[in-house]
């Protein structure tokens, strides 16, 4: 039988094919990301380095596309972009931080951020709704002095300016007529403000012996309803103090300073321009004597006041936020919706206001 000749032509083809595979395979492996994301690279030929950086730190295709579109649409992309993306990652931060920096920080802020040491709490900071990088140094300073507080508490307190000097670093309230406005030691009521809808309180609901008590109309109507409801339950209280003018509050504060000293006065009394009483939405309650936390009046109010739009404004556990000593007799009208939410959350009005009112506005 005649021996069959080898098919050298076929062998050469196979050898060439194997050689091509040997050469191409490493290239495919090296450029696997580019091949898998070819459409994205093709539409962003000017920014391949930026895409390389994103995929190097494990962005998926969707994240990379969304991020690079954001950078282009906001004119925030340049030759340095890929560099700072990698630098942030190399500092030890995850992709959530990279995305935050890309979307929220200016060029100078990015430079500042890269100059700082890794902070394990930074991702917790950026998860806070109120976080602002412009206040980052203030957060760190406050955190250093209050290590018992959560990151959310720190951000909230800085937003409330509690790291500043009360009264001296105050801001003038722009909307004192709003039912939900906040007045405290950092937010000042204009000196010439006087509610236009004040109404006289009936003797049945206020002690008018030493002067006619007044309250804003909506707050008074709800207070009357609350009094009537409490009386059906056998609990009685009335307004010992309500609206106060700037001058009236001035006399109260000055007398307190004269009799008790500045430090003591600032615990229990507000300087004129800083008292909620000047808003016409606040009542100091009594039942012959001052309302105390152990009395039936306080228990009833704690359980029911929110149904009529009122909150107990100053509690013992909130003193470091409100800036005032606890006052079991001091209630404030904020509207039923807000009062109900505060009752459920059990947080001071400052915290509620900054998170759910001011932030929305």
Protein backbone atom coordinates (compact mmCIF):
# COMPACT_ATOMS: atom_id res chain seq x y z
CA UNK A 1 0.00 0.00 0.00
CA UNK A 2 1.35 3.40 -1.03
CA UNK A 3 2.17 5.64 1.94
CA UNK A 4 0.06 8.82 2.02
CA UNK A 5 2.04 12.07 1.87
CA UNK A 6 1.61 14.53 4.74
CA UNK A 7 -0.58 17.54 3.99
CA UNK A 8 2.04 20.20 4.54
CA UNK A 9 -0.23 22.91 3.28
CA UNK A 10 -2.81 22.16 5.94
CA UNK A 11 -0.11 21.89 8.59
CA UNK A 12 1.21 25.31 7.64
CA UNK A 13 -2.28 26.80 7.93
CA UNK A 14 -2.78 25.23 11.35
CA UNK A 15 0.63 26.45 12.46
CA UNK A 16 -0.17 29.97 11.30
CA UNK A 17 -3.51 29.83 13.06
CA UNK A 18 -1.87 28.66 16.29
CA UNK A 19 0.72 31.41 15.99
CA UNK A 20 -2.00 33.99 15.51
CA UNK A 21 -3.88 32.62 18.53
CA UNK A 22 -0.69 32.69 20.61
CA UNK A 23 -0.06 36.30 19.63
CA UNK A 24 -3.68 37.52 19.87
CA UNK A 25 -4.72 35.77 23.11
CA UNK A 26 -2.52 37.90 25.40
CA UNK A 27 -3.69 41.01 23.57
CA UNK A 28 -7.31 39.98 24.10
CA UNK A 29 -6.65 39.32 27.77
CA UNK A 30 -4.85 42.63 28.19
CA UNK A 31 -7.57 44.53 26.34
CA UNK A 32 -10.48 42.47 27.59
CA UNK A 33 -12.11 45.47 29.26
CA UNK A 34 -11.83 47.61 26.12
CA UNK A 35 -13.26 44.82 23.97
CA UNK A 36 -16.17 44.13 26.33
CA UNK A 37 -16.91 47.85 26.56
CA UNK A 38 -16.02 48.73 22.98
CA UNK A 39 -19.12 50.88 22.27
CA UNK A 40 -18.38 53.03 25.34
CA UNK A 41 -14.75 53.48 24.33
CA UNK A 42 -15.69 54.28 20.73
CA UNK A 43 -18.08 57.05 21.81
CA UNK A 44 -15.50 58.47 24.24
CA UNK A 45 -12.24 58.27 22.34
CA UNK A 46 -11.00 61.51 23.95
CA UNK A 47 -11.45 60.06 27.41
CA UNK A 48 -10.10 56.51 27.18
CA UNK A 49 -7.72 57.18 30.07
CA UNK A 50 -10.64 58.20 32.27
CA UNK A 51 -12.53 55.04 31.32
CA UNK A 52 -9.42 52.96 31.97
CA UNK A 53 -9.25 54.43 35.48
CA UNK A 54 -12.89 53.70 36.17
CA UNK A 55 -12.63 50.09 35.06
CA UNK A 56 -9.37 49.68 36.95
CA UNK A 57 -11.22 50.38 40.19
CA UNK A 58 -14.03 48.02 39.16
CA UNK A 59 -16.75 50.34 37.89
CA UNK A 60 -19.22 48.35 35.83
CA UNK A 61 -20.27 49.53 32.35
CA UNK A 62 -23.40 51.25 33.59
CA UNK A 63 -21.56 53.12 36.34
CA UNK A 64 -18.76 54.18 33.99
CA UNK A 65 -21.19 55.44 31.35
CA UNK A 66 -23.28 57.34 33.86
CA UNK A 67 -20.20 58.90 35.45
CA UNK A 68 -18.47 59.93 32.24
CA UNK A 69 -21.72 61.38 30.87
CA UNK A 70 -22.02 63.43 34.06
CA UNK A 71 -18.44 64.67 33.74
CA UNK A 72 -18.94 65.70 30.12
CA UNK A 73 -22.34 67.32 30.65
CA UNK A 74 -20.99 69.39 33.52
CA UNK A 75 -17.66 70.26 31.90
CA UNK A 76 -15.76 68.57 34.71
CA UNK A 77 -13.54 66.29 32.65
CA UNK A 78 -9.90 66.92 31.72
CA UNK A 79 -6.51 65.24 31.54
CA UNK A 80 -6.27 65.12 35.33
CA UNK A 81 -9.58 63.35 35.90
CA UNK A 82 -8.26 59.82 35.50
CA UNK A 83 -5.36 60.67 37.80
CA UNK A 84 -7.49 61.82 40.75
CA UNK A 85 -9.87 58.90 40.33
CA UNK A 86 -6.97 56.52 40.89
CA UNK A 87 -5.52 58.65 43.68
CA UNK A 88 -8.80 58.57 45.61
CA UNK A 89 -8.94 54.82 45.19
CA UNK A 90 -5.30 54.42 46.21
CA UNK A 91 -5.94 56.40 49.41
CA UNK A 92 -8.17 53.51 50.42
CA UNK A 93 -11.62 54.85 49.55
CA UNK A 94 -14.30 52.79 47.81
CA UNK A 95 -16.22 53.63 44.66
CA UNK A 96 -19.02 55.40 46.56
CA UNK A 97 -16.49 58.00 47.67
CA UNK A 98 -15.03 58.29 44.16
CA UNK A 99 -18.52 58.96 42.77
CA UNK A 100 -19.24 61.50 45.50
CA UNK A 101 -16.02 63.40 44.86
CA UNK A 102 -16.62 63.44 41.09
CA UNK A 103 -20.14 64.78 41.45
CA UNK A 104 -19.87 67.15 44.38
CA UNK A 105 -16.38 68.60 44.75
CA UNK A 106 -14.78 71.46 42.87
CA UNK A 107 -11.23 71.23 41.54
CA UNK A 108 -9.82 73.02 44.59
CA UNK A 109 -11.83 70.81 46.93
CA UNK A 110 -10.53 67.69 45.19
CA UNK A 111 -6.98 68.95 45.69
CA UNK A 112 -7.77 69.55 49.35
CA UNK A 113 -9.35 66.12 49.71
CA UNK A 114 -6.34 64.37 48.17
CA UNK A 115 -4.02 66.17 50.56
CA UNK A 116 -5.79 64.64 53.57
CA UNK A 117 -5.11 61.31 55.18
CA UNK A 118 -7.61 58.49 54.75
CA UNK A 119 -10.63 58.90 57.03
CA UNK A 120 -12.52 55.69 57.68
CA UNK A 121 -15.64 57.72 58.55
CA UNK A 122 -15.79 59.69 55.31
CA UNK A 123 -18.25 57.30 53.67
CA UNK A 124 -20.50 57.68 56.73
CA UNK A 125 -20.27 61.45 56.37
CA UNK A 126 -21.30 61.48 52.71
CA UNK A 127 -24.24 59.20 53.48
CA UNK A 128 -25.71 61.97 55.65
CA UNK A 129 -28.27 63.98 53.74
CA UNK A 130 -27.06 67.30 55.16
CA UNK A 131 -23.35 66.70 54.56
CA UNK A 132 -21.43 69.53 52.88
CA UNK A 133 -17.73 69.20 52.09
CA UNK A 134 -17.31 72.94 52.67
CA UNK A 135 -17.99 72.23 56.36
CA UNK A 136 -15.80 69.14 56.56
CA UNK A 137 -13.16 70.79 58.75
CA UNK A 138 -15.89 71.87 61.17
CA UNK A 139 -17.23 68.31 61.33
CA UNK A 140 -13.80 66.93 62.17
CA UNK A 141 -13.19 69.57 64.82
CA UNK A 142 -16.59 68.95 66.43
CA UNK A 143 -16.14 65.17 66.24
CA UNK A 144 -12.82 65.50 68.05
CA UNK A 145 -14.57 67.28 70.94
CA UNK A 146 -17.66 65.05 70.97
CA UNK A 147 -16.50 61.49 70.38
CA UNK A 148 -19.70 60.10 71.90
CA UNK A 149 -21.84 61.46 69.04
CA UNK A 150 -22.75 59.66 65.83
CA UNK A 151 -21.63 61.03 62.47
CA UNK A 152 -25.24 61.98 61.70
CA UNK A 153 -25.49 63.92 64.98
CA UNK A 154 -22.26 65.76 64.20
CA UNK A 155 -23.41 66.79 60.72
CA UNK A 156 -26.81 67.86 62.09
CA UNK A 157 -25.27 69.97 64.85
CA UNK A 158 -22.88 71.72 62.51
CA UNK A 159 -25.83 72.50 60.23
CA UNK A 160 -27.48 74.05 63.29
CA UNK A 161 -24.26 76.04 63.93
CA UNK A 162 -23.89 74.59 67.42
CA UNK A 163 -20.11 74.85 67.06
CA UNK A 164 -20.41 78.63 66.92
CA UNK A 165 -20.99 81.17 69.69
CA UNK A 166 -24.69 81.56 70.42
CA UNK A 167 -26.22 85.03 70.12
CA UNK A 168 -23.01 86.45 68.61
CA UNK A 169 -22.95 84.25 65.51
CA UNK A 170 -26.70 84.39 64.96
CA UNK A 171 -28.53 84.70 61.64
CA UNK A 172 -31.64 86.82 61.14
CA UNK A 173 -34.81 84.80 60.44
CA UNK A 174 -36.23 85.59 57.00
CA UNK A 175 -39.68 84.10 57.58
CA UNK A 176 -40.78 84.80 61.18
CA UNK A 177 -44.42 84.64 60.12
CA UNK A 178 -44.22 80.98 59.04
CA UNK A 179 -45.95 78.64 61.49
CA UNK A 180 -43.02 76.22 61.33
CA UNK A 181 -40.20 78.77 61.61
CA UNK A 182 -37.38 78.08 64.05
CA UNK A 183 -36.11 80.61 66.58
CA UNK A 184 -33.29 79.83 68.99
CA UNK A 185 -29.95 81.19 70.16
CA UNK A 186 -28.59 81.07 66.62
CA UNK A 187 -31.65 82.27 64.71
CA UNK A 188 -32.80 85.78 65.56
CA UNK A 189 -36.29 87.26 65.16
CA UNK A 190 -36.28 90.76 63.61
CA UNK A 191 -36.67 93.40 66.34
CA UNK A 192 -39.62 95.02 64.60
CA UNK A 193 -41.51 91.78 63.98
CA UNK A 194 -45.03 91.51 65.39
CA UNK A 195 -47.55 88.87 64.25
CA UNK A 196 -50.50 90.42 62.40
CA UNK A 197 -53.02 87.77 63.45
CA UNK A 198 -52.75 87.95 67.24
CA UNK A 199 -55.99 87.33 69.12
CA UNK A 200 -56.92 87.88 72.76
CA UNK A 201 -57.11 84.72 74.85
CA UNK A 202 -60.29 84.16 76.84
CA UNK A 203 -60.07 84.03 80.64
CA UNK A 204 -61.14 80.38 80.44
CA UNK A 205 -57.82 79.48 78.79
CA UNK A 206 -55.38 82.10 80.07
CA UNK A 207 -54.44 83.95 83.23
CA UNK A 208 -55.24 87.53 82.20
CA UNK A 209 -54.99 88.91 85.74
CA UNK A 210 -51.76 90.79 85.04
CA UNK A 211 -52.38 91.63 81.40
CA UNK A 212 -54.26 90.33 78.39
CA UNK A 213 -52.61 87.22 76.93
CA UNK A 214 -52.43 86.94 73.15
CA UNK A 215 -51.62 84.19 70.68
CA UNK A 216 -51.69 83.82 66.91
CA UNK A 217 -55.14 82.85 65.68
CA UNK A 218 -54.40 79.32 64.43
CA UNK A 219 -52.36 78.45 67.52
CA UNK A 220 -55.07 79.80 69.82
CA UNK A 221 -57.87 77.84 68.13
CA UNK A 222 -55.92 74.60 68.51
CA UNK A 223 -55.03 75.44 72.10
CA UNK A 224 -58.72 75.90 72.95
CA UNK A 225 -59.49 72.50 71.41
CA UNK A 226 -56.65 70.94 73.40
CA UNK A 227 -57.87 72.48 76.67
CA UNK A 228 -61.40 71.26 76.08
CA UNK A 229 -60.16 67.74 75.34
CA UNK A 230 -57.95 67.64 78.44
CA UNK A 231 -60.77 68.85 80.67
CA UNK A 232 -62.95 65.99 79.49
CA UNK A 233 -60.19 63.74 80.82
CA UNK A 234 -60.15 65.61 84.12
CA UNK A 235 -56.88 67.46 83.43
CA UNK A 236 -56.74 71.25 83.65
CA UNK A 237 -54.14 73.80 82.56
CA UNK A 238 -54.11 77.31 81.13
CA UNK A 239 -51.71 79.83 79.57
CA UNK A 240 -49.63 81.68 82.13
CA UNK A 241 -47.60 83.37 79.39
CA UNK A 242 -48.05 83.57 75.61
CA UNK A 243 -47.02 86.24 73.09
CA UNK A 244 -44.33 88.66 74.22
CA UNK A 245 -43.10 91.76 72.40
CA UNK A 246 -39.40 92.44 71.94
CA UNK A 247 -39.47 95.04 74.72
CA UNK A 248 -41.35 92.74 77.09
CA UNK A 249 -38.81 89.95 76.51
CA UNK A 250 -36.02 92.46 77.03
CA UNK A 251 -37.35 93.29 80.50
CA UNK A 252 -37.69 89.61 81.41
CA UNK A 253 -34.15 88.81 80.31
CA UNK A 254 -32.55 91.83 81.98
CA UNK A 255 -34.34 91.10 85.24
CA UNK A 256 -33.14 87.50 85.11
CA UNK A 257 -29.56 88.65 84.54
CA UNK A 258 -29.84 91.15 87.40
CA UNK A 259 -31.22 88.58 89.84
CA UNK A 260 -29.33 85.46 88.78
CA UNK A 261 -26.32 86.45 86.69
CA UNK A 262 -25.57 86.13 82.97
CA UNK A 263 -24.77 82.40 82.87
CA UNK A 264 -27.89 81.41 84.76
CA UNK A 265 -30.04 83.74 82.68
CA UNK A 266 -28.83 82.17 79.44
CA UNK A 267 -29.92 78.74 80.67
CA UNK A 268 -33.49 79.70 81.42
CA UNK A 269 -34.30 82.90 79.54
CA UNK A 270 -33.81 84.08 75.98
CA UNK A 271 -32.32 87.40 74.98
CA UNK A 272 -34.81 89.71 73.23
CA UNK A 273 -35.02 88.74 69.58
CA UNK A 274 -34.35 85.09 70.35
CA UNK A 275 -37.44 84.04 72.29
CA UNK A 276 -40.10 81.85 70.68
CA UNK A 277 -42.67 83.82 72.62
CA UNK A 278 -42.08 86.70 70.21
CA UNK A 279 -43.44 84.50 67.40
CA UNK A 280 -46.86 84.31 69.07
CA UNK A 281 -46.81 80.52 68.86
CA UNK A 282 -45.56 79.62 72.33
CA UNK A 283 -47.29 79.12 75.68
CA UNK A 284 -46.03 78.65 79.21
CA UNK A 285 -48.59 76.46 80.96
CA UNK A 286 -49.73 76.41 84.55
CA UNK A 287 -52.40 74.95 86.78
CA UNK A 288 -52.20 77.29 89.75
CA UNK A 289 -48.58 76.10 89.99
CA UNK A 290 -46.05 75.51 87.23
CA UNK A 291 -46.44 72.28 85.25
CA UNK A 292 -43.88 69.63 86.27
CA UNK A 293 -42.85 66.37 84.61
CA UNK A 294 -44.40 64.41 87.50
CA UNK A 295 -47.81 66.03 87.19
CA UNK A 296 -50.89 64.71 85.41
CA UNK A 297 -50.87 67.77 83.15
CA UNK A 298 -47.44 66.95 81.74
CA UNK A 299 -48.35 63.31 81.22
CA UNK A 300 -51.50 64.29 79.32
CA UNK A 301 -49.67 66.86 77.20
CA UNK A 302 -46.85 64.40 76.40
CA UNK A 303 -49.42 61.92 75.13
CA UNK A 304 -51.84 64.25 73.35
CA UNK A 305 -50.42 67.69 72.51
CA UNK A 306 -49.28 66.65 69.01
CA UNK A 307 -52.90 65.97 68.04
CA UNK A 308 -53.46 69.72 68.28
CA UNK A 309 -50.16 70.81 66.68
CA UNK A 310 -48.18 71.40 69.88
CA UNK A 311 -44.85 70.01 71.06
CA UNK A 312 -43.01 70.13 74.38
CA UNK A 313 -40.15 72.31 73.28
CA UNK A 314 -37.43 71.86 75.90
CA UNK A 315 -36.72 68.44 77.37
CA UNK A 316 -33.86 67.41 79.64
CA UNK A 317 -32.31 65.07 77.08
CA UNK A 318 -32.23 67.83 74.45
CA UNK A 319 -30.50 70.56 76.45
CA UNK A 320 -27.23 70.31 74.51
CA UNK A 321 -29.15 70.95 71.26
CA UNK A 322 -31.77 73.50 72.32
CA UNK A 323 -29.35 75.46 74.49
CA UNK A 324 -31.89 75.83 77.30
CA UNK A 325 -32.57 73.99 80.52
CA UNK A 326 -35.62 71.72 80.43
CA UNK A 327 -38.99 73.47 80.72
CA UNK A 328 -41.88 71.07 81.27
CA UNK A 329 -44.37 73.93 80.98
CA UNK A 330 -43.19 75.37 77.66
CA UNK A 331 -45.12 74.23 74.55
CA UNK A 332 -44.83 75.44 70.98
CA UNK A 333 -47.32 75.32 68.09
CA UNK A 334 -45.83 73.92 64.86
CA UNK A 335 -48.92 72.49 63.14
CA UNK A 336 -50.46 69.03 63.48
CA UNK A 337 -48.39 67.38 60.73
CA UNK A 338 -45.06 68.54 62.14
CA UNK A 339 -46.04 67.93 65.76
CA UNK A 340 -47.16 64.37 64.98
CA UNK A 341 -43.89 63.60 63.19
CA UNK A 342 -41.83 65.05 66.04
CA UNK A 343 -43.85 63.05 68.57
CA UNK A 344 -43.06 59.82 66.69
CA UNK A 345 -39.39 60.65 66.12
CA UNK A 346 -38.91 62.04 69.64
CA UNK A 347 -36.28 64.55 68.55
CA UNK A 348 -35.78 68.25 69.37
CA UNK A 349 -37.40 70.75 67.05
CA UNK A 350 -33.97 71.97 65.91
CA UNK A 351 -33.14 68.56 64.49
CA UNK A 352 -36.55 68.10 62.93
CA UNK A 353 -36.50 71.58 61.40
CA UNK A 354 -33.09 71.27 59.80
CA UNK A 355 -33.77 67.79 58.42
CA UNK A 356 -37.39 67.95 57.33
CA UNK A 357 -38.33 71.61 56.89
CA UNK A 358 -35.33 73.78 56.04
CA UNK A 359 -33.74 71.08 53.89
CA UNK A 360 -36.90 70.75 51.77
CA UNK A 361 -37.20 74.49 51.32
